[in-house]
Structures are given as structure tokens and as C-alpha cells.
Amino acid sequence: MTNDQWQMSNKYPMPNGQSGRFDIYERCLGFAVKISAFVDKLPKRFSSIEYGKQLLRSSASIGANMQEADGALTKKDFINKVGIARREAKETNYWLQLLKYSKLADNTNIDYLLQESKEIAMMKKFPLTVRLIRPVTREW
């Protein structure tokens, strides 16, 4: 099984009842692209520009750290990188909440992004995450 063919077992259902392939890398990349489009539509005010910059950084860092985890040489390094990605997802959620409650963003788009960042951050059980995105055949 190659890196781009990870399958999620039925034992661990996908969020929102989705079925099929579980590809955290594609999900993180798509999320960062959606955040980028969202930030481009923010009003050109000082506060929204600064919040938008932080939001872009933290959302892009999620996928970057997952890619780093994929190339980890040790299990400890892998778990560390996945943990960083999870913390970045929580930070992204914070910036989205700040934009929502300061009324700097359209609530219809932001609610979807908030939910997506929460679901990505739910990668809290590292052994589960290891089983989901690393091949069983790889020995540490």
C-alpha cells in the first residue's frame, strides 16, 4: 500500500458518517486551500488582516506537519509531528472563532470551517492515528 492509498478500517468510522478512503493529507490540503479563499474574502481592515495572516499560517501548518510525520524516522518523531498538527488545528479553530465573534467574517462559511478544524483536531489518540495513516508493515 502506498502513501496515497491509505484506507480507513470500518472499526474507526469517518466524521459525519462519510465512507471510503481516509486521506488525512488531502483533507488537510483541501482545508488549507479553503482557508486561503476564506481569508481573501475578509474585509481589508487592520484586525482582519492580522487575524487572517495567523489563520493562514496555522491552517497551512497542519498539513505541513502531517507530511513531516509521514517522513518521520522514528515512532516518537512521528507522534510528535502529529501532535503539532493537532495543536495547529486547535489554533486555527481559535482564529476562526475570533473572526466569527468579532463579526469580521460571514457566519455561513465560517461555521463549516470551524467544524472542519474541530474534526481535524480530533486526532487526539496517537496510537489510533498511527494505525490509520501508517502502513501496518512498517516496523519502528
N, C-alpha and C. Protein backbone atom coordinates (compact mmCIF):
# COMPACT_ATOMS: atom_id res chain seq x y z
N MET A 1 0.85 -1.18 0.00
CA MET A 1 0.00 0.00 0.00
C MET A 1 0.89 1.24 0.00
N THR A 2 0.66 2.17 -0.91
CA THR A 2 1.49 3.37 -1.00
C THR A 2 0.92 4.46 -0.11
N ASN A 3 1.69 5.55 0.07
CA ASN A 3 1.27 6.65 0.94
C ASN A 3 -0.05 7.27 0.52
N ASP A 4 -0.36 7.25 -0.78
CA ASP A 4 -1.59 7.89 -1.22
C ASP A 4 -2.76 6.91 -1.34
N GLN A 5 -2.63 5.73 -0.75
CA GLN A 5 -3.70 4.75 -0.81
C GLN A 5 -4.16 4.27 0.56
N TRP A 6 -4.01 5.08 1.58
CA TRP A 6 -4.41 4.64 2.93
C TRP A 6 -5.90 4.41 2.96
N GLN A 7 -6.27 3.33 3.59
CA GLN A 7 -7.68 3.01 3.78
C GLN A 7 -7.98 3.05 5.27
N MET A 8 -9.13 3.55 5.60
CA MET A 8 -9.54 3.56 6.99
C MET A 8 -10.43 2.34 7.22
N SER A 9 -10.17 1.61 8.27
CA SER A 9 -10.96 0.41 8.55
C SER A 9 -12.36 0.81 9.01
N ASN A 10 -13.28 -0.12 8.91
CA ASN A 10 -14.65 0.13 9.36
C ASN A 10 -14.74 0.31 10.87
N LYS A 11 -13.71 -0.14 11.57
CA LYS A 11 -13.71 -0.04 13.02
C LYS A 11 -13.68 1.42 13.49
N TYR A 12 -13.12 2.30 12.67
CA TYR A 12 -13.00 3.72 13.01
C TYR A 12 -13.75 4.54 11.97
N PRO A 13 -15.04 4.81 12.19
CA PRO A 13 -15.84 5.49 11.17
C PRO A 13 -15.35 6.92 10.91
N MET A 14 -15.56 7.37 9.69
CA MET A 14 -15.17 8.73 9.29
C MET A 14 -16.13 9.73 9.94
N PRO A 15 -15.67 10.97 10.16
CA PRO A 15 -16.55 12.00 10.70
C PRO A 15 -17.76 12.22 9.80
N ASN A 16 -18.85 12.61 10.38
CA ASN A 16 -20.10 12.90 9.68
C ASN A 16 -20.64 11.71 8.88
N GLY A 17 -20.27 10.48 9.26
CA GLY A 17 -20.80 9.30 8.60
C GLY A 17 -20.28 9.07 7.19
N GLN A 18 -19.23 9.75 6.78
CA GLN A 18 -18.68 9.55 5.45
C GLN A 18 -18.08 8.16 5.37
N SER A 19 -18.00 7.64 4.16
CA SER A 19 -17.36 6.34 3.99
C SER A 19 -16.33 6.44 2.89
N GLY A 20 -15.50 5.42 2.80
CA GLY A 20 -14.50 5.40 1.75
C GLY A 20 -13.11 5.68 2.28
N ARG A 21 -12.26 6.14 1.39
CA ARG A 21 -10.86 6.34 1.72
C ARG A 21 -10.65 7.45 2.73
N PHE A 22 -9.79 7.21 3.68
CA PHE A 22 -9.43 8.20 4.68
C PHE A 22 -8.06 8.73 4.31
N ASP A 23 -8.01 9.95 3.78
CA ASP A 23 -6.74 10.52 3.38
C ASP A 23 -6.56 11.85 4.10
N ILE A 24 -5.88 11.81 5.22
CA ILE A 24 -5.70 12.99 6.04
C ILE A 24 -4.89 14.06 5.32
N TYR A 25 -3.99 13.61 4.43
CA TYR A 25 -3.16 14.57 3.71
C TYR A 25 -4.00 15.42 2.76
N GLU A 26 -4.89 14.77 2.02
CA GLU A 26 -5.78 15.50 1.11
C GLU A 26 -6.73 16.39 1.90
N ARG A 27 -7.21 15.88 3.01
CA ARG A 27 -8.14 16.67 3.82
C ARG A 27 -7.48 17.93 4.36
N CYS A 28 -6.25 17.81 4.84
CA CYS A 28 -5.52 18.97 5.36
C CYS A 28 -5.20 19.96 4.26
N LEU A 29 -4.82 19.46 3.09
CA LEU A 29 -4.51 20.33 1.97
C LEU A 29 -5.77 21.09 1.52
N GLY A 30 -6.87 20.36 1.38
CA GLY A 30 -8.13 20.99 0.99
C GLY A 30 -8.59 22.03 2.00
N PHE A 31 -8.39 21.73 3.27
CA PHE A 31 -8.75 22.67 4.33
C PHE A 31 -7.93 23.94 4.22
N ALA A 32 -6.63 23.82 3.99
CA ALA A 32 -5.77 25.00 3.86
C ALA A 32 -6.17 25.85 2.64
N VAL A 33 -6.55 25.19 1.56
CA VAL A 33 -6.99 25.91 0.36
C VAL A 33 -8.30 26.66 0.65
N LYS A 34 -9.21 26.02 1.36
CA LYS A 34 -10.48 26.69 1.72
C LYS A 34 -10.24 27.87 2.65
N ILE A 35 -9.31 27.72 3.57
CA ILE A 35 -8.97 28.83 4.47
C ILE A 35 -8.38 29.98 3.67
N SER A 36 -7.53 29.68 2.71
CA SER A 36 -6.93 30.72 1.88
C SER A 36 -8.00 31.52 1.14
N ALA A 37 -8.96 30.83 0.55
CA ALA A 37 -10.05 31.51 -0.16
C ALA A 37 -10.89 32.33 0.82
N PHE A 38 -11.10 31.78 2.02
CA PHE A 38 -11.87 32.49 3.05
C PHE A 38 -11.16 33.78 3.46
N VAL A 39 -9.85 33.70 3.70
CA VAL A 39 -9.08 34.87 4.13
C VAL A 39 -9.08 35.95 3.05
N ASP A 40 -9.04 35.54 1.77
CA ASP A 40 -9.06 36.51 0.68
C ASP A 40 -10.34 37.33 0.66
N LYS A 41 -11.41 36.80 1.22
CA LYS A 41 -12.70 37.49 1.23
C LYS A 41 -12.94 38.33 2.49
N LEU A 42 -12.00 38.29 3.43
CA LEU A 42 -12.17 39.10 4.65
C LEU A 42 -12.07 40.58 4.31
N PRO A 43 -12.75 41.43 5.10
CA PRO A 43 -12.65 42.87 4.86
C PRO A 43 -11.21 43.35 5.06
N LYS A 44 -10.85 44.36 4.35
CA LYS A 44 -9.47 44.88 4.41
C LYS A 44 -9.33 45.87 5.57
N ARG A 45 -9.50 45.34 6.78
CA ARG A 45 -9.30 46.12 8.00
C ARG A 45 -8.07 45.58 8.71
N PHE A 46 -7.45 46.41 9.53
CA PHE A 46 -6.22 46.00 10.19
C PHE A 46 -6.39 44.71 10.97
N SER A 47 -7.43 44.63 11.78
CA SER A 47 -7.61 43.45 12.62
C SER A 47 -7.86 42.19 11.78
N SER A 48 -8.70 42.28 10.76
CA SER A 48 -8.98 41.09 9.95
C SER A 48 -7.76 40.67 9.13
N ILE A 49 -6.94 41.62 8.73
CA ILE A 49 -5.71 41.27 8.01
C ILE A 49 -4.76 40.50 8.93
N GLU A 50 -4.58 41.00 10.15
CA GLU A 50 -3.69 40.32 11.10
C GLU A 50 -4.21 38.95 11.50
N TYR A 51 -5.51 38.86 11.80
CA TYR A 51 -6.10 37.57 12.14
C TYR A 51 -5.99 36.61 10.96
N GLY A 52 -6.23 37.13 9.78
CA GLY A 52 -6.14 36.32 8.57
C GLY A 52 -4.76 35.75 8.35
N LYS A 53 -3.72 36.54 8.62
CA LYS A 53 -2.34 36.05 8.48
C LYS A 53 -2.09 34.88 9.43
N GLN A 54 -2.53 35.03 10.67
CA GLN A 54 -2.34 33.97 11.66
C GLN A 54 -3.12 32.71 11.26
N LEU A 55 -4.33 32.93 10.75
CA LEU A 55 -5.18 31.83 10.32
C LEU A 55 -4.53 31.07 9.16
N LEU A 56 -3.99 31.79 8.20
CA LEU A 56 -3.30 31.15 7.07
C LEU A 56 -2.12 30.32 7.54
N ARG A 57 -1.33 30.88 8.43
CA ARG A 57 -0.14 30.17 8.91
C ARG A 57 -0.51 28.88 9.64
N SER A 58 -1.46 29.00 10.57
CA SER A 58 -1.80 27.82 11.37
C SER A 58 -2.48 26.74 10.53
N SER A 59 -3.34 27.14 9.59
CA SER A 59 -4.04 26.13 8.78
C SER A 59 -3.08 25.43 7.82
N ALA A 60 -2.13 26.15 7.26
CA ALA A 60 -1.16 25.52 6.35
C ALA A 60 -0.21 24.62 7.13
N SER A 61 0.05 24.96 8.37
CA SER A 61 0.96 24.18 9.19
C SER A 61 0.42 22.80 9.53
N ILE A 62 -0.90 22.65 9.54
CA ILE A 62 -1.49 21.35 9.85
C ILE A 62 -1.02 20.31 8.84
N GLY A 63 -1.24 20.59 7.58
CA GLY A 63 -0.84 19.65 6.52
C GLY A 63 0.66 19.48 6.42
N ALA A 64 1.39 20.58 6.63
CA ALA A 64 2.85 20.51 6.56
C ALA A 64 3.39 19.57 7.64
N ASN A 65 2.84 19.64 8.82
CA ASN A 65 3.30 18.77 9.90
C ASN A 65 2.86 17.32 9.68
N MET A 66 1.72 17.11 9.06
CA MET A 66 1.31 15.74 8.74
C MET A 66 2.26 15.15 7.69
N GLN A 67 2.68 15.97 6.73
CA GLN A 67 3.66 15.49 5.74
C GLN A 67 4.99 15.18 6.42
N GLU A 68 5.38 16.04 7.36
CA GLU A 68 6.60 15.78 8.13
C GLU A 68 6.49 14.48 8.91
N ALA A 69 5.32 14.24 9.47
CA ALA A 69 5.10 13.00 10.23
C ALA A 69 5.25 11.79 9.32
N ASP A 70 4.78 11.92 8.10
CA ASP A 70 4.86 10.80 7.16
C ASP A 70 6.31 10.43 6.87
N GLY A 71 7.20 11.41 6.95
CA GLY A 71 8.61 11.14 6.69
C GLY A 71 9.42 10.90 7.94
N ALA A 72 8.77 10.76 9.07
CA ALA A 72 9.48 10.58 10.33
C ALA A 72 10.28 9.28 10.34
N LEU A 73 11.44 9.34 10.96
CA LEU A 73 12.31 8.17 11.03
C LEU A 73 12.03 7.29 12.25
N THR A 74 11.43 7.90 13.27
CA THR A 74 11.12 7.14 14.48
C THR A 74 9.66 7.32 14.84
N LYS A 75 9.15 6.40 15.62
CA LYS A 75 7.76 6.49 16.08
C LYS A 75 7.58 7.74 16.95
N LYS A 76 8.56 8.03 17.78
CA LYS A 76 8.48 9.19 18.67
C LYS A 76 8.39 10.48 17.86
N ASP A 77 9.19 10.61 16.82
CA ASP A 77 9.15 11.79 15.96
C ASP A 77 7.81 11.87 15.24
N PHE A 78 7.30 10.73 14.79
CA PHE A 78 6.01 10.70 14.12
C PHE A 78 4.90 11.21 15.04
N ILE A 79 4.86 10.68 16.26
CA ILE A 79 3.84 11.09 17.21
C ILE A 79 3.97 12.57 17.54
N ASN A 80 5.19 13.06 17.66
CA ASN A 80 5.42 14.48 17.93
C ASN A 80 4.86 15.35 16.81
N LYS A 81 5.12 14.99 15.56
CA LYS A 81 4.65 15.79 14.42
C LYS A 81 3.13 15.76 14.32
N VAL A 82 2.53 14.61 14.57
CA VAL A 82 1.06 14.53 14.56
C VAL A 82 0.49 15.40 15.68
N GLY A 83 1.16 15.42 16.82
CA GLY A 83 0.72 16.27 17.93
C GLY A 83 0.81 17.75 17.59
N ILE A 84 1.86 18.13 16.89
CA ILE A 84 1.99 19.52 16.45
C ILE A 84 0.87 19.86 15.48
N ALA A 85 0.57 18.97 14.56
CA ALA A 85 -0.52 19.20 13.60
C ALA A 85 -1.84 19.39 14.34
N ARG A 86 -2.07 18.58 15.36
CA ARG A 86 -3.30 18.71 16.14
C ARG A 86 -3.38 20.06 16.85
N ARG A 87 -2.26 20.49 17.43
CA ARG A 87 -2.25 21.80 18.10
C ARG A 87 -2.46 22.94 17.10
N GLU A 88 -1.93 22.80 15.90
CA GLU A 88 -2.15 23.81 14.87
C GLU A 88 -3.62 23.86 14.46
N ALA A 89 -4.28 22.71 14.43
CA ALA A 89 -5.71 22.67 14.12
C ALA A 89 -6.51 23.39 15.20
N LYS A 90 -6.10 23.20 16.45
CA LYS A 90 -6.77 23.92 17.55
C LYS A 90 -6.53 25.42 17.46
N GLU A 91 -5.31 25.80 17.08
CA GLU A 91 -5.02 27.23 16.92
C GLU A 91 -5.85 27.81 15.78
N THR A 92 -5.97 27.07 14.69
CA THR A 92 -6.79 27.50 13.56
C THR A 92 -8.23 27.72 14.02
N ASN A 93 -8.72 26.80 14.83
CA ASN A 93 -10.08 26.93 15.35
C ASN A 93 -10.22 28.21 16.18
N TYR A 94 -9.20 28.52 16.96
CA TYR A 94 -9.22 29.76 17.76
C TYR A 94 -9.34 31.00 16.88
N TRP A 95 -8.53 31.08 15.82
CA TRP A 95 -8.56 32.25 14.94
C TRP A 95 -9.90 32.35 14.23
N LEU A 96 -10.47 31.22 13.85
CA LEU A 96 -11.79 31.24 13.22
C LEU A 96 -12.86 31.74 14.19
N GLN A 97 -12.79 31.29 15.45
CA GLN A 97 -13.74 31.77 16.45
C GLN A 97 -13.59 33.27 16.67
N LEU A 98 -12.35 33.73 16.72
CA LEU A 98 -12.10 35.16 16.91
C LEU A 98 -12.71 35.97 15.78
N LEU A 99 -12.54 35.52 14.55
CA LEU A 99 -13.14 36.21 13.40
C LEU A 99 -14.66 36.16 13.46
N LYS A 100 -15.20 35.04 13.89
CA LYS A 100 -16.66 34.91 13.97
C LYS A 100 -17.24 35.85 15.02
N TYR A 101 -16.68 35.81 16.23
CA TYR A 101 -17.26 36.59 17.32
C TYR A 101 -16.96 38.08 17.22
N SER A 102 -15.95 38.44 16.47
CA SER A 102 -15.69 39.86 16.23
C SER A 102 -16.48 40.37 15.03
N LYS A 103 -17.26 39.47 14.43
CA LYS A 103 -18.14 39.78 13.30
C LYS A 103 -17.37 40.32 12.09
N LEU A 104 -16.19 39.78 11.89
CA LEU A 104 -15.37 40.17 10.74
C LEU A 104 -15.55 39.22 9.56
N ALA A 105 -16.30 38.14 9.77
CA ALA A 105 -16.45 37.13 8.72
C ALA A 105 -17.90 36.73 8.56
N ASP A 106 -18.21 36.21 7.38
CA ASP A 106 -19.53 35.69 7.06
C ASP A 106 -19.75 34.39 7.83
N ASN A 107 -20.80 34.33 8.62
CA ASN A 107 -21.04 33.17 9.50
C ASN A 107 -21.33 31.88 8.76
N THR A 108 -21.88 31.94 7.55
CA THR A 108 -22.21 30.70 6.84
C THR A 108 -20.94 29.94 6.46
N ASN A 109 -19.94 30.64 5.98
CA ASN A 109 -18.68 29.97 5.61
C ASN A 109 -17.88 29.57 6.83
N ILE A 110 -17.89 30.40 7.83
CA ILE A 110 -17.02 30.16 8.98
C ILE A 110 -17.50 28.97 9.81
N ASP A 111 -18.78 28.71 9.85
CA ASP A 111 -19.28 27.57 10.61
C ASP A 111 -18.76 26.25 10.03
N TYR A 112 -18.74 26.14 8.71
CA TYR A 112 -18.19 24.94 8.07
C TYR A 112 -16.71 24.79 8.40
N LEU A 113 -15.95 25.88 8.32
CA LEU A 113 -14.51 25.82 8.59
C LEU A 113 -14.24 25.50 10.05
N LEU A 114 -15.06 26.03 10.95
CA LEU A 114 -14.92 25.70 12.37
C LEU A 114 -15.12 24.21 12.60
N GLN A 115 -16.14 23.65 11.98
CA GLN A 115 -16.41 22.22 12.15
C GLN A 115 -15.27 21.38 11.58
N GLU A 116 -14.76 21.77 10.42
CA GLU A 116 -13.66 21.03 9.81
C GLU A 116 -12.41 21.07 10.67
N SER A 117 -12.10 22.25 11.24
CA SER A 117 -10.91 22.35 12.10
C SER A 117 -11.07 21.51 13.36
N LYS A 118 -12.29 21.43 13.90
CA LYS A 118 -12.55 20.59 15.07
C LYS A 118 -12.35 19.12 14.73
N GLU A 119 -12.84 18.71 13.57
CA GLU A 119 -12.70 17.31 13.18
C GLU A 119 -11.24 16.93 12.93
N ILE A 120 -10.49 17.83 12.33
CA ILE A 120 -9.07 17.56 12.11
C ILE A 120 -8.35 17.48 13.46
N ALA A 121 -8.72 18.34 14.39
CA ALA A 121 -8.08 18.35 15.71
C ALA A 121 -8.45 17.12 16.54
N MET A 122 -9.45 16.37 16.13
CA MET A 122 -9.86 15.18 16.89
C MET A 122 -8.89 14.03 16.73
N MET A 123 -7.76 14.25 16.12
CA MET A 123 -6.73 13.22 16.01
C MET A 123 -5.99 13.14 17.33
N LYS A 124 -6.71 12.92 18.41
CA LYS A 124 -6.09 13.03 19.72
C LYS A 124 -5.51 11.72 20.24
N LYS A 125 -5.93 10.61 19.69
CA LYS A 125 -5.41 9.33 20.16
C LYS A 125 -4.30 8.90 19.22
N PHE A 126 -3.08 9.15 19.62
CA PHE A 126 -1.95 8.91 18.73
C PHE A 126 -1.84 7.47 18.25
N PRO A 127 -2.05 6.46 19.09
CA PRO A 127 -1.97 5.10 18.56
C PRO A 127 -2.99 4.86 17.45
N LEU A 128 -4.20 5.41 17.61
CA LEU A 128 -5.22 5.30 16.57
C LEU A 128 -4.73 5.99 15.31
N THR A 129 -4.18 7.18 15.44
CA THR A 129 -3.69 7.93 14.29
C THR A 129 -2.57 7.16 13.60
N VAL A 130 -1.69 6.57 14.36
CA VAL A 130 -0.60 5.79 13.78
C VAL A 130 -1.17 4.65 12.94
N ARG A 131 -2.17 3.95 13.46
CA ARG A 131 -2.75 2.83 12.72
C ARG A 131 -3.48 3.31 11.48
N LEU A 132 -4.06 4.49 11.53
CA LEU A 132 -4.85 4.97 10.41
C LEU A 132 -3.99 5.42 9.23
N ILE A 133 -2.85 6.05 9.50
CA ILE A 133 -2.13 6.64 8.38
C ILE A 133 -0.76 6.04 8.11
N ARG A 134 -0.33 5.11 8.92
CA ARG A 134 0.95 4.44 8.66
C ARG A 134 0.67 2.99 8.24
N PRO A 135 1.44 2.46 7.34
CA PRO A 135 1.20 1.07 6.94
C PRO A 135 1.51 0.11 8.08
N VAL A 136 0.78 -0.94 8.16
CA VAL A 136 0.97 -1.93 9.20
C VAL A 136 2.33 -2.62 9.03
N THR A 137 2.80 -2.71 7.80
CA THR A 137 4.03 -3.43 7.52
C THR A 137 5.29 -2.70 7.97
N ARG A 138 5.20 -1.40 8.20
CA ARG A 138 6.39 -0.64 8.60
C ARG A 138 6.74 -0.97 10.04
N GLU A 139 7.99 -1.31 10.28
CA GLU A 139 8.43 -1.60 11.63
C GLU A 139 9.19 -0.41 12.18
N TRP A 140 8.96 -0.12 13.44
CA TRP A 140 9.63 1.01 14.07
C TRP A 140 10.81 0.51 14.78
